[in-house]
């Protein structure tokens, strides 16, 4: 599924694409991927987004992204429109990567409350 499609599915469920503001939240999402989901692919869509005109990265919920768990050389700003996905770089190592909105991946929705 593409980023915008995944976002629409989450919104239809009253949720949003997963985000994390702390390293604790990041590790909780990572544990979910590794132990509950048993995901073996290489891309998981998360809720980070950057406007085409540059500027800071925001979660799709509107909060500014402050956590820095990028893969080596990322974000490399190779795309004008950024979405952010987990990238499996080695077993159990999920790091952030920038990609365009046409990349396919599995996704995680998050409900607050």
Protein backbone atom coordinates (compact mmCIF):
# COMPACT_ATOMS: atom_id res chain seq x y z
CA UNK A 1 0.00 0.00 0.00
CA UNK A 2 1.18 3.57 -0.68
CA UNK A 3 1.60 6.22 2.05
CA UNK A 4 -1.58 8.20 1.24
CA UNK A 5 -3.62 4.98 0.99
CA UNK A 6 -2.31 3.80 4.36
CA UNK A 7 -3.13 7.19 5.90
CA UNK A 8 -6.69 6.96 4.55
CA UNK A 9 -7.17 3.47 6.02
CA UNK A 10 -5.97 4.66 9.43
CA UNK A 11 -8.24 7.73 9.33
CA UNK A 12 -11.23 5.55 8.38
CA UNK A 13 -10.54 3.58 11.58
CA UNK A 14 -10.37 6.76 13.68
CA UNK A 15 -6.58 6.50 13.92
CA UNK A 16 -3.45 7.90 12.28
CA UNK A 17 -0.21 6.46 10.96
CA UNK A 18 2.08 5.52 13.83
CA UNK A 19 4.41 8.17 15.22
CA UNK A 20 6.88 8.29 18.08
CA UNK A 21 8.15 11.30 19.99
CA UNK A 22 10.53 9.49 22.35
CA UNK A 23 13.04 6.66 22.09
CA UNK A 24 10.78 4.65 24.43
CA UNK A 25 7.92 4.93 21.94
CA UNK A 26 10.29 4.01 19.10
CA UNK A 27 11.40 0.85 20.93
CA UNK A 28 7.77 -0.06 21.67
CA UNK A 29 6.94 0.19 17.95
CA UNK A 30 10.08 -1.79 17.09
CA UNK A 31 9.11 -4.51 19.57
CA UNK A 32 5.62 -4.65 18.07
CA UNK A 33 7.07 -5.14 14.61
CA UNK A 34 9.50 -7.82 15.73
CA UNK A 35 7.43 -9.86 18.17
CA UNK A 36 3.76 -9.30 17.41
CA UNK A 37 3.69 -8.70 13.69
CA UNK A 38 6.59 -10.95 12.63
CA UNK A 39 7.22 -8.66 9.66
CA UNK A 40 9.88 -9.87 7.23
CA UNK A 41 9.70 -7.13 4.58
CA UNK A 42 11.89 -4.07 4.35
CA UNK A 43 9.55 -1.07 4.49
CA UNK A 44 6.94 -0.08 7.03
CA UNK A 45 5.04 3.16 6.54
CA UNK A 46 5.07 5.55 9.50
CA UNK A 47 3.45 8.97 9.90
CA UNK A 48 6.30 11.39 9.13
CA UNK A 49 5.91 13.88 6.31
CA UNK A 50 7.78 16.83 4.86
CA UNK A 51 6.26 19.44 2.57
CA UNK A 52 7.63 19.76 -0.94
CA UNK A 53 8.98 23.24 -0.16
CA UNK A 54 11.37 21.98 2.52
CA UNK A 55 11.34 22.92 6.18
CA UNK A 56 11.04 20.71 9.25
CA UNK A 57 9.57 17.23 9.31
CA UNK A 58 6.19 16.77 10.98
CA UNK A 59 4.17 13.76 12.01
CA UNK A 60 0.91 13.59 10.12
CA UNK A 61 -0.82 14.46 13.41
CA UNK A 62 0.84 17.91 13.29
CA UNK A 63 3.61 17.46 15.88
CA UNK A 64 7.13 18.42 14.83
CA UNK A 65 9.41 15.37 14.55
CA UNK A 66 12.19 15.68 17.12
CA UNK A 67 13.41 12.09 17.34
CA UNK A 68 16.51 11.30 15.26
CA UNK A 69 16.64 7.62 14.33
CA UNK A 70 17.67 7.93 10.70
CA UNK A 71 19.59 5.29 8.79
CA UNK A 72 23.11 6.11 7.58
CA UNK A 73 23.02 8.99 5.11
CA UNK A 74 19.32 9.71 5.73
CA UNK A 75 17.39 11.74 5.16
CA UNK A 76 19.17 12.16 1.86
CA UNK A 77 16.52 14.50 0.47
CA UNK A 78 16.50 12.68 -2.85
CA UNK A 79 12.77 13.34 -3.27
CA UNK A 80 10.87 16.63 -3.45
CA UNK A 81 7.94 15.22 -1.47
CA UNK A 82 8.96 13.23 1.58
CA UNK A 83 7.24 10.47 3.41
CA UNK A 84 8.98 8.41 6.01
CA UNK A 85 9.21 4.70 6.30
CA UNK A 86 11.04 2.24 8.45
CA UNK A 87 13.86 0.63 6.59
CA UNK A 88 15.03 -2.81 7.69
CA UNK A 89 18.81 -2.55 7.43
CA UNK A 90 19.61 -5.83 9.21
CA UNK A 91 17.59 -8.20 11.40
CA UNK A 92 15.70 -6.22 14.04
CA UNK A 93 17.27 -2.89 13.00
CA UNK A 94 14.56 -0.53 11.83
CA UNK A 95 15.68 3.01 11.01
CA UNK A 96 13.96 5.95 9.37
CA UNK A 97 14.37 6.64 5.67
CA UNK A 98 12.89 9.24 3.34
CA UNK A 99 11.07 8.06 0.24
CA UNK A 100 8.43 9.29 -2.14
CA UNK A 101 4.72 8.77 -1.65
CA UNK A 102 4.63 6.01 -4.29
CA UNK A 103 6.69 3.54 -2.28
CA UNK A 104 4.77 0.48 -1.14
CA UNK A 105 4.90 -0.95 2.36
CA UNK A 106 2.95 -2.33 5.24
CA UNK A 107 1.77 0.19 7.81
CA UNK A 108 0.80 0.61 11.43
CA UNK A 109 -2.15 2.70 12.64
CA UNK A 110 -2.19 4.29 16.09
CA UNK A 111 -5.16 5.41 18.16
CA UNK A 112 -4.74 7.89 20.97
CA UNK A 113 -6.52 7.32 24.23
